[in-house]
Amino acid sequence: MADTDRKPPRAGMGRPKGAQNKTTALLKDAILKAAEQAGDGDMVEYLTLQARTNPGPFMALLGKVLPMQIAGDPDNPIIHAIERRIVRPSDTNS
């Protein structure tokens, strides 16, 4: 086996799966701190103001933080039915 076929002993070692990049974590913390300061220490107050004055961007933000899956009640499932009917032009009243 040639030396070029060998991998370094720590190849593939990086951040553990799910670990956040340090830059991303710092930026997230800075954004949260700025939101608190903009609301005079109350981030909910600031976000409420943004929801009222900038509903489009606020809804985009909301879509990013909502869970991607909706879990239903197994004892009370949602039932979706589609009714298909063939309608001929001669059957219409107009």
PDB file of N, CA and C in Angstrom:
ATOM      1  N   MET A   1       0.856  -1.159   0.000  1.00  0.00           N
ATOM      2  CA  MET A   1       0.000   0.000   0.000  1.00  0.00           C
ATOM      3  C   MET A   1       0.906   1.227   0.000  1.00  0.00           C
ATOM      4  N   ALA A   2       0.575   2.195  -0.866  1.00  0.00           N
ATOM      5  CA  ALA A   2       1.378   3.410  -0.990  1.00  0.00           C
ATOM      6  C   ALA A   2       1.042   4.367   0.141  1.00  0.00           C
ATOM      7  N   ASP A   3       1.993   5.278   0.432  1.00  0.00           N
ATOM      8  CA  ASP A   3       1.777   6.268   1.491  1.00  0.00           C
ATOM      9  C   ASP A   3       0.611   7.198   1.173  1.00  0.00           C
ATOM     10  N   THR A   4       0.259   7.387  -0.092  1.00  0.00           N
ATOM     11  CA  THR A   4      -0.834   8.286  -0.463  1.00  0.00           C
ATOM     12  C   THR A   4      -2.199   7.695  -0.116  1.00  0.00           C
ATOM     13  N   ASP A   5      -2.284   6.395   0.138  1.00  0.00           N
ATOM     14  CA  ASP A   5      -3.550   5.752   0.480  1.00  0.00           C
ATOM     15  C   ASP A   5      -3.912   5.914   1.955  1.00  0.00           C
ATOM     16  N   ARG A   6      -2.973   6.347   2.754  1.00  0.00           N
ATOM     17  CA  ARG A   6      -3.218   6.478   4.198  1.00  0.00           C
ATOM     18  C   ARG A   6      -3.856   7.826   4.516  1.00  0.00           C
ATOM     19  N   LYS A   7      -4.737   7.806   5.500  1.00  0.00           N
ATOM     20  CA  LYS A   7      -5.346   9.039   5.982  1.00  0.00           C
ATOM     21  C   LYS A   7      -4.641   9.450   7.274  1.00  0.00           C
ATOM     22  N   PRO A   8      -4.572  10.740   7.536  1.00  0.00           N
ATOM     23  CA  PRO A   8      -3.994  11.166   8.817  1.00  0.00           C
ATOM     24  C   PRO A   8      -4.793  10.581   9.972  1.00  0.00           C
ATOM     25  N   PRO A   9      -4.164  10.391  11.119  1.00  0.00           N
ATOM     26  CA  PRO A   9      -4.864   9.732  12.236  1.00  0.00           C
ATOM     27  C   PRO A   9      -6.107  10.478  12.727  1.00  0.00           C
ATOM     28  N   ARG A  10      -6.199  11.793  12.518  1.00  0.00           N
ATOM     29  CA  ARG A  10      -7.367  12.550  12.994  1.00  0.00           C
ATOM     30  C   ARG A  10      -8.272  12.974  11.843  1.00  0.00           C
ATOM     31  N   ALA A  11      -8.168  12.324  10.695  1.00  0.00           N
ATOM     32  CA  ALA A  11      -9.008  12.669   9.540  1.00  0.00           C
ATOM     33  C   ALA A  11     -10.472  12.462   9.884  1.00  0.00           C
ATOM     34  N   GLY A  12     -11.297  13.404   9.498  1.00  0.00           N
ATOM     35  CA  GLY A  12     -12.731  13.310   9.747  1.00  0.00           C
ATOM     36  C   GLY A  12     -13.146  13.774  11.121  1.00  0.00           C
ATOM     37  N   MET A  13     -12.170  14.142  11.953  1.00  0.00           N
ATOM     38  CA  MET A  13     -12.490  14.628  13.298  1.00  0.00           C
ATOM     39  C   MET A  13     -12.829  16.113  13.184  1.00  0.00           C
ATOM     40  N   GLY A  14     -13.973  16.463  13.587  1.00  0.00           N
ATOM     41  CA  GLY A  14     -14.407  17.852  13.563  1.00  0.00           C
ATOM     42  C   GLY A  14     -15.353  18.082  14.718  1.00  0.00           C
ATOM     43  N   ARG A  15     -16.237  19.041  14.550  1.00  0.00           N
ATOM     44  CA  ARG A  15     -17.235  19.275  15.588  1.00  0.00           C
ATOM     45  C   ARG A  15     -18.136  18.052  15.704  1.00  0.00           C
ATOM     46  N   PRO A  16     -18.563  17.740  16.897  1.00  0.00           N
ATOM     47  CA  PRO A  16     -19.521  16.640  17.040  1.00  0.00           C
ATOM     48  C   PRO A  16     -20.821  16.978  16.303  1.00  0.00           C
ATOM     49  N   LYS A  17     -21.533  15.970  15.870  1.00  0.00           N
ATOM     50  CA  LYS A  17     -22.781  16.170  15.154  1.00  0.00           C
ATOM     51  C   LYS A  17     -23.736  17.004  16.002  1.00  0.00           C
ATOM     52  N   GLY A  18     -24.289  18.066  15.389  1.00  0.00           N
ATOM     53  CA  GLY A  18     -25.231  18.937  16.080  1.00  0.00           C
ATOM     54  C   GLY A  18     -24.579  20.086  16.829  1.00  0.00           C
ATOM     55  N   ALA A  19     -23.247  20.074  16.959  1.00  0.00           N
ATOM     56  CA  ALA A  19     -22.563  21.170  17.652  1.00  0.00           C
ATOM     57  C   ALA A  19     -22.591  22.409  16.767  1.00  0.00           C
ATOM     58  N   GLN A  20     -22.823  23.549  17.391  1.00  0.00           N
ATOM     59  CA  GLN A  20     -22.946  24.791  16.643  1.00  0.00           C
ATOM     60  C   GLN A  20     -21.582  25.420  16.418  1.00  0.00           C
ATOM     61  N   ASN A  21     -21.405  26.016  15.255  1.00  0.00           N
ATOM     62  CA  ASN A  21     -20.213  26.759  14.929  1.00  0.00           C
ATOM     63  C   ASN A  21     -20.067  27.903  15.939  1.00  0.00           C
ATOM     64  N   LYS A  22     -18.834  28.214  16.374  1.00  0.00           N
ATOM     65  CA  LYS A  22     -18.631  29.273  17.366  1.00  0.00           C
ATOM     66  C   LYS A  22     -19.130  30.616  16.841  1.00  0.00           C
ATOM     67  N   THR A  23     -18.875  30.898  15.560  1.00  0.00           N
ATOM     68  CA  THR A  23     -19.325  32.167  14.982  1.00  0.00           C
ATOM     69  C   THR A  23     -20.842  32.255  15.002  1.00  0.00           C
ATOM     70  N   THR A  24     -21.529  31.173  14.662  1.00  0.00           N
ATOM     71  CA  THR A  24     -22.988  31.145  14.667  1.00  0.00           C
ATOM     72  C   THR A  24     -23.523  31.385  16.076  1.00  0.00           C
ATOM     73  N   ALA A  25     -22.918  30.756  17.063  1.00  0.00           N
ATOM     74  CA  ALA A  25     -23.358  30.924  18.450  1.00  0.00           C
ATOM     75  C   ALA A  25     -23.157  32.367  18.907  1.00  0.00           C
ATOM     76  N   LEU A  26     -22.011  32.965  18.560  1.00  0.00           N
ATOM     77  CA  LEU A  26     -21.749  34.355  18.937  1.00  0.00           C
ATOM     78  C   LEU A  26     -22.748  35.294  18.283  1.00  0.00           C
ATOM     79  N   LEU A  27     -23.042  35.067  17.004  1.00  0.00           N
ATOM     80  CA  LEU A  27     -23.985  35.918  16.287  1.00  0.00           C
ATOM     81  C   LEU A  27     -25.389  35.783  16.883  1.00  0.00           C
ATOM     82  N   LYS A  28     -25.792  34.570  17.184  1.00  0.00           N
ATOM     83  CA  LYS A  28     -27.108  34.342  17.785  1.00  0.00           C
ATOM     84  C   LYS A  28     -27.221  35.070  19.123  1.00  0.00           C
ATOM     85  N   ASP A  29     -26.192  34.964  19.952  1.00  0.00           N
ATOM     86  CA  ASP A  29     -26.201  35.655  21.240  1.00  0.00           C
ATOM     87  C   ASP A  29     -26.271  37.170  21.059  1.00  0.00           C
ATOM     88  N   ALA A  30     -25.535  37.695  20.087  1.00  0.00           N
ATOM     89  CA  ALA A  30     -25.537  39.141  19.835  1.00  0.00           C
ATOM     90  C   ALA A  30     -26.915  39.613  19.377  1.00  0.00           C
ATOM     91  N   ILE A  31     -27.573  38.836  18.521  1.00  0.00           N
ATOM     92  CA  ILE A  31     -28.910  39.192  18.036  1.00  0.00           C
ATOM     93  C   ILE A  31     -29.910  39.194  19.193  1.00  0.00           C
ATOM     94  N   LEU A  32     -29.843  38.178  20.047  1.00  0.00           N
ATOM     95  CA  LEU A  32     -30.759  38.116  21.195  1.00  0.00           C
ATOM     96  C   LEU A  32     -30.520  39.280  22.157  1.00  0.00           C
ATOM     97  N   LYS A  33     -29.254  39.613  22.382  1.00  0.00           N
ATOM     98  CA  LYS A  33     -28.929  40.737  23.270  1.00  0.00           C
ATOM     99  C   LYS A  33     -29.440  42.049  22.679  1.00  0.00           C
ATOM    100  N   ALA A  34     -29.277  42.234  21.359  1.00  0.00           N
ATOM    101  CA  ALA A  34     -29.757  43.454  20.703  1.00  0.00           C
ATOM    102  C   ALA A  34     -31.278  43.561  20.803  1.00  0.00           C
ATOM    103  N   ALA A  35     -31.976  42.456  20.658  1.00  0.00           N
ATOM    104  CA  ALA A  35     -33.442  42.466  20.764  1.00  0.00           C
ATOM    105  C   ALA A  35     -33.875  42.831  22.179  1.00  0.00           C
ATOM    106  N   GLU A  36     -33.165  42.325  23.179  1.00  0.00           N
ATOM    107  CA  GLU A  36     -33.484  42.688  24.568  1.00  0.00           C
ATOM    108  C   GLU A  36     -33.273  44.174  24.802  1.00  0.00           C
ATOM    109  N   GLN A  37     -32.162  44.697  24.317  1.00  0.00           N
ATOM    110  CA  GLN A  37     -31.854  46.117  24.517  1.00  0.00           C
ATOM    111  C   GLN A  37     -32.850  47.005  23.763  1.00  0.00           C
ATOM    112  N   ALA A  38     -33.280  46.584  22.583  1.00  0.00           N
ATOM    113  CA  ALA A  38     -34.241  47.375  21.812  1.00  0.00           C
ATOM    114  C   ALA A  38     -35.589  47.438  22.519  1.00  0.00           C
ATOM    115  N   GLY A  39     -35.913  46.415  23.292  1.00  0.00           N
ATOM    116  CA  GLY A  39     -37.171  46.394  24.036  1.00  0.00           C
ATOM    117  C   GLY A  39     -37.002  46.833  25.474  1.00  0.00           C
ATOM    118  N   ASP A  40     -35.916  47.564  25.749  1.00  0.00           N
ATOM    119  CA  ASP A  40     -35.625  48.022  27.118  1.00  0.00           C
ATOM    120  C   ASP A  40     -35.606  46.868  28.112  1.00  0.00           C
ATOM    121  N   GLY A  41     -34.948  45.793  27.727  1.00  0.00           N
ATOM    122  CA  GLY A  41     -34.814  44.640  28.619  1.00  0.00           C
ATOM    123  C   GLY A  41     -35.919  43.611  28.461  1.00  0.00           C
ATOM    124  N   ASP A  42     -36.904  43.891  27.636  1.00  0.00           N
ATOM    125  CA  ASP A  42     -38.019  42.963  27.439  1.00  0.00           C
ATOM    126  C   ASP A  42     -38.091  42.576  25.965  1.00  0.00           C
ATOM    127  N   MET A  43     -37.554  41.423  25.639  1.00  0.00           N
ATOM    128  CA  MET A  43     -37.519  40.984  24.248  1.00  0.00           C
ATOM    129  C   MET A  43     -38.927  40.740  23.708  1.00  0.00           C
ATOM    130  N   VAL A  44     -39.842  40.271  24.546  1.00  0.00           N
ATOM    131  CA  VAL A  44     -41.217  40.022  24.096  1.00  0.00           C
ATOM    132  C   VAL A  44     -41.860  41.328  23.650  1.00  0.00           C
ATOM    133  N   GLU A  45     -41.609  42.400  24.393  1.00  0.00           N
ATOM    134  CA  GLU A  45     -42.154  43.709  24.024  1.00  0.00           C
ATOM    135  C   GLU A  45     -41.627  44.136  22.651  1.00  0.00           C
ATOM    136  N   TYR A  46     -40.334  43.951  22.438  1.00  0.00           N
ATOM    137  CA  TYR A  46     -39.731  44.318  21.157  1.00  0.00           C
ATOM    138  C   TYR A  46     -40.301  43.477  20.012  1.00  0.00           C
ATOM    139  N   LEU A  47     -40.414  42.175  20.219  1.00  0.00           N
ATOM    140  CA  LEU A  47     -40.939  41.299  19.164  1.00  0.00           C
ATOM    141  C   LEU A  47     -42.417  41.582  18.887  1.00  0.00           C
ATOM    142  N   THR A  48     -43.170  41.955  19.910  1.00  0.00           N
ATOM    143  CA  THR A  48     -44.567  42.334  19.715  1.00  0.00           C
ATOM    144  C   THR A  48     -44.657  43.578  18.837  1.00  0.00           C
ATOM    145  N   LEU A  49     -43.796  44.550  19.096  1.00  0.00           N
ATOM    146  CA  LEU A  49     -43.745  45.757  18.271  1.00  0.00           C
ATOM    147  C   LEU A  49     -43.396  45.410  16.828  1.00  0.00           C
ATOM    148  N   GLN A  50     -42.437  44.523  16.646  1.00  0.00           N
ATOM    149  CA  GLN A  50     -42.048  44.127  15.294  1.00  0.00           C
ATOM    150  C   GLN A  50     -43.181  43.385  14.578  1.00  0.00           C
ATOM    151  N   ALA A  51     -43.914  42.565  15.316  1.00  0.00           N
ATOM    152  CA  ALA A  51     -45.045  41.835  14.716  1.00  0.00           C
ATOM    153  C   ALA A  51     -46.099  42.802  14.196  1.00  0.00           C
ATOM    154  N   ARG A  52     -46.278  43.911  14.918  1.00  0.00           N
ATOM    155  CA  ARG A  52     -47.287  44.892  14.504  1.00  0.00           C
ATOM    156  C   ARG A  52     -46.800  45.798  13.384  1.00  0.00           C
ATOM    157  N   THR A  53     -45.550  46.222  13.453  1.00  0.00           N
ATOM    158  CA  THR A  53     -45.053  47.197  12.477  1.00  0.00           C
ATOM    159  C   THR A  53     -44.450  46.547  11.231  1.00  0.00           C
ATOM    160  N   ASN A  54     -43.963  45.319  11.349  1.00  0.00           N
ATOM    161  CA  ASN A  54     -43.345  44.598  10.220  1.00  0.00           C
ATOM    162  C   ASN A  54     -43.885  43.176  10.163  1.00  0.00           C
ATOM    163  N   PRO A  55     -45.167  43.007   9.851  1.00  0.00           N
ATOM    164  CA  PRO A  55     -45.752  41.662   9.919  1.00  0.00           C
ATOM    165  C   PRO A  55     -45.137  40.666   8.938  1.00  0.00           C
ATOM    166  N   GLY A  56     -44.743  41.110   7.749  1.00  0.00           N
ATOM    167  CA  GLY A  56     -44.165  40.178   6.770  1.00  0.00           C
ATOM    168  C   GLY A  56     -42.881  39.538   7.261  1.00  0.00           C
ATOM    169  N   PRO A  57     -41.866  40.352   7.598  1.00  0.00           N
ATOM    170  CA  PRO A  57     -40.632  39.762   8.128  1.00  0.00           C
ATOM    171  C   PRO A  57     -40.848  38.993   9.432  1.00  0.00           C
ATOM    172  N   PHE A  58     -41.781  39.474  10.261  1.00  0.00           N
ATOM    173  CA  PHE A  58     -42.037  38.766  11.519  1.00  0.00           C
ATOM    174  C   PHE A  58     -42.609  37.377  11.237  1.00  0.00           C
ATOM    175  N   MET A  59     -43.522  37.277  10.272  1.00  0.00           N
ATOM    176  CA  MET A  59     -44.098  35.969   9.936  1.00  0.00           C
ATOM    177  C   MET A  59     -43.038  35.034   9.362  1.00  0.00           C
ATOM    178  N   ALA A  60     -42.088  35.589   8.587  1.00  0.00           N
ATOM    179  CA  ALA A  60     -40.986  34.765   8.068  1.00  0.00           C
ATOM    180  C   ALA A  60     -40.151  34.227   9.229  1.00  0.00           C
ATOM    181  N   LEU A  61     -39.892  35.077  10.216  1.00  0.00           N
ATOM    182  CA  LEU A  61     -39.154  34.649  11.403  1.00  0.00           C
ATOM    183  C   LEU A  61     -39.932  33.584  12.155  1.00  0.00           C
ATOM    184  N   LEU A  62     -41.223  33.790  12.298  1.00  0.00           N
ATOM    185  CA  LEU A  62     -42.072  32.830  13.002  1.00  0.00           C
ATOM    186  C   LEU A  62     -42.046  31.464  12.309  1.00  0.00           C
ATOM    187  N   GLY A  63     -42.055  31.484  10.971  1.00  0.00           N
ATOM    188  CA  GLY A  63     -41.996  30.230  10.224  1.00  0.00           C
ATOM    189  C   GLY A  63     -40.713  29.463  10.452  1.00  0.00           C
ATOM    190  N   LYS A  64     -39.641  30.173  10.786  1.00  0.00           N
ATOM    191  CA  LYS A  64     -38.361  29.507  11.029  1.00  0.00           C
ATOM    192  C   LYS A  64     -38.274  28.887  12.418  1.00  0.00           C
ATOM    193  N   VAL A  65     -39.033  29.405  13.366  1.00  0.00           N
ATOM    194  CA  VAL A  65     -38.934  28.879  14.727  1.00  0.00           C
ATOM    195  C   VAL A  65     -40.034  27.884  15.077  1.00  0.00           C
ATOM    196  N   LEU A  66     -41.081  27.797  14.255  1.00  0.00           N
ATOM    197  CA  LEU A  66     -42.136  26.820  14.517  1.00  0.00           C
ATOM    198  C   LEU A  66     -41.644  25.426  14.171  1.00  0.00           C
ATOM    199  N   PRO A  67     -42.132  24.428  14.849  1.00  0.00           N
ATOM    200  CA  PRO A  67     -41.716  23.055  14.527  1.00  0.00           C
ATOM    201  C   PRO A  67     -42.137  22.679  13.111  1.00  0.00           C
ATOM    202  N   MET A  68     -41.323  21.872  12.461  1.00  0.00           N
ATOM    203  CA  MET A  68     -41.601  21.480  11.086  1.00  0.00           C
ATOM    204  C   MET A  68     -42.664  20.383  11.012  1.00  0.00           C
ATOM    205  N   GLN A  69     -42.863  19.638  12.075  1.00  0.00           N
ATOM    206  CA  GLN A  69     -43.865  18.578  12.068  1.00  0.00           C
ATOM    207  C   GLN A  69     -44.962  18.917  13.055  1.00  0.00           C
ATOM    208  N   ILE A  70     -46.164  18.574  12.697  1.00  0.00           N
ATOM    209  CA  ILE A  70     -47.292  18.774  13.591  1.00  0.00           C
ATOM    210  C   ILE A  70     -47.748  17.390  14.040  1.00  0.00           C
ATOM    211  N   ALA A  71     -47.734  17.186  15.331  1.00  0.00           N
ATOM    212  CA  ALA A  71     -48.153  15.895  15.874  1.00  0.00           C
ATOM    213  C   ALA A  71     -49.631  15.972  16.216  1.00  0.00           C
ATOM    214  N   GLY A  72     -50.379  15.036  15.706  1.00  0.00           N
ATOM    215  CA  GLY A  72     -51.811  15.000  15.985  1.00  0.00           C
ATOM    216  C   GLY A  72     -52.129  14.145  17.180  1.00  0.00           C
ATOM    217  N   ASP A  73     -53.381  14.128  17.525  1.00  0.00           N
ATOM    218  CA  ASP A  73     -53.866  13.319  18.635  1.00  0.00           C
ATOM    219  C   ASP A  73     -54.196  11.937  18.085  1.00  0.00           C
ATOM    220  N   PRO A  74     -53.494  10.902  18.536  1.00  0.00           N
ATOM    221  CA  PRO A  74     -53.759   9.556  17.987  1.00  0.00           C
ATOM    222  C   PRO A  74     -55.173   9.059  18.273  1.00  0.00           C
ATOM    223  N   ASP A  75     -55.809   9.572  19.341  1.00  0.00           N
ATOM    224  CA  ASP A  75     -57.169   9.155  19.670  1.00  0.00           C
ATOM    225  C   ASP A  75     -58.222   9.932  18.886  1.00  0.00           C
ATOM    226  N   ASN A  76     -57.811  11.036  18.247  1.00  0.00           N
ATOM    227  CA  ASN A  76     -58.743  11.877  17.516  1.00  0.00           C
ATOM    228  C   ASN A  76     -58.085  12.336  16.205  1.00  0.00           C
ATOM    229  N   PRO A  77     -57.881  11.398  15.273  1.00  0.00           N
ATOM    230  CA  PRO A  77     -57.134  11.746  14.055  1.00  0.00           C
ATOM    231  C   PRO A  77     -57.919  12.680  13.129  1.00  0.00           C
ATOM    232  N   ILE A  78     -57.182  13.411  12.332  1.00  0.00           N
ATOM    233  CA  ILE A  78     -57.794  14.276  11.333  1.00  0.00           C
ATOM    234  C   ILE A  78     -58.164  13.404  10.136  1.00  0.00           C
ATOM    235  N   ILE A  79     -59.390  13.525   9.669  1.00  0.00           N
ATOM    236  CA  ILE A  79     -59.856  12.735   8.531  1.00  0.00           C
ATOM    237  C   ILE A  79     -60.029  13.682   7.355  1.00  0.00           C
ATOM    238  N   HIS A  80     -59.413  13.315   6.263  1.00  0.00           N
ATOM    239  CA  HIS A  80     -59.474  14.142   5.053  1.00  0.00           C
ATOM    240  C   HIS A  80     -60.099  13.295   3.950  1.00  0.00           C
ATOM    241  N   ALA A  81     -61.217  13.749   3.426  1.00  0.00           N
ATOM    242  CA  ALA A  81     -61.896  12.998   2.376  1.00  0.00           C
ATOM    243  C   ALA A  81     -62.054  13.884   1.145  1.00  0.00           C
ATOM    244  N   ILE A  82     -61.911  13.275  -0.009  1.00  0.00           N
ATOM    245  CA  ILE A  82     -62.094  13.991  -1.269  1.00  0.00           C
ATOM    246  C   ILE A  82     -63.261  13.343  -2.004  1.00  0.00           C
ATOM    247  N   GLU A  83     -64.203  14.156  -2.380  1.00  0.00           N
ATOM    248  CA  GLU A  83     -65.346  13.656  -3.139  1.00  0.00           C
ATOM    249  C   GLU A  83     -65.154  14.041  -4.598  1.00  0.00           C
ATOM    250  N   ARG A  84     -65.244  13.059  -5.478  1.00  0.00           N
ATOM    251  CA  ARG A  84     -65.081  13.331  -6.906  1.00  0.00           C
ATOM    252  C   ARG A  84     -66.409  13.078  -7.599  1.00  0.00           C
ATOM    253  N   ARG A  85     -66.858  14.066  -8.363  1.00  0.00           N
ATOM    254  CA  ARG A  85     -68.102  13.920  -9.126  1.00  0.00           C
ATOM    255  C   ARG A  85     -67.840  14.330 -10.560  1.00  0.00           C
ATOM    256  N   ILE A  86     -68.455  13.656 -11.459  1.00  0.00           N
ATOM    257  CA  ILE A  86     -68.377  14.027 -12.867  1.00  0.00           C
ATOM    258  C   ILE A  86     -69.586  14.904 -13.162  1.00  0.00           C
ATOM    259  N   VAL A  87     -69.331  16.080 -13.678  1.00  0.00           N
ATOM    260  CA  VAL A  87     -70.393  17.019 -13.982  1.00  0.00           C
ATOM    261  C   VAL A  87     -70.389  17.241 -15.494  1.00  0.00           C
ATOM    262  N   ARG A  88     -71.516  16.931 -16.113  1.00  0.00           N
ATOM    263  CA  ARG A  88     -71.638  17.131 -17.552  1.00  0.00           C
ATOM    264  C   ARG A  88     -72.276  18.476 -17.809  1.00  0.00           C
ATOM    265  N   PRO A  89     -71.933  19.149 -18.895  1.00  0.00           N
ATOM    266  CA  PRO A  89     -72.522  20.467 -19.213  1.00  0.00           C
ATOM    267  C   PRO A  89     -74.050  20.427 -19.249  1.00  0.00           C
ATOM    268  N   SER A  90     -74.640  19.324 -19.671  1.00  0.00           N
ATOM    269  CA  SER A  90     -76.099  19.233 -19.745  1.00  0.00           C
ATOM    270  C   SER A  90     -76.743  19.162 -18.359  1.00  0.00           C
ATOM    271  N   ASP A  91     -75.961  18.825 -17.308  1.00  0.00           N
ATOM    272  CA  ASP A  91     -76.486  18.721 -15.948  1.00  0.00           C
ATOM    273  C   ASP A  91     -76.533  20.058 -15.224  1.00  0.00           C
ATOM    274  N   THR A  92     -75.919  21.085 -15.764  1.00  0.00           N
ATOM    275  CA  THR A  92     -75.890  22.381 -15.074  1.00  0.00           C
ATOM    276  C   THR A  92     -77.178  23.149 -15.308  1.00  0.00           C
ATOM    277  N   ASN A  93     -77.538  24.002 -14.376  1.00  0.00           N
ATOM    278  CA  ASN A  93     -78.784  24.767 -14.447  1.00  0.00           C
ATOM    279  C   ASN A  93     -78.600  26.122 -15.096  1.00  0.00           C
ATOM    280  N   SER A  94     -77.403  26.525 -15.414  1.00  0.00           N
ATOM    281  CA  SER A  94     -77.224  27.871 -15.969  1.00  0.00           C
ATOM    282  C   SER A  94     -77.201  27.900 -17.467  1.00  0.00           C
TER     283      SER A  94
END
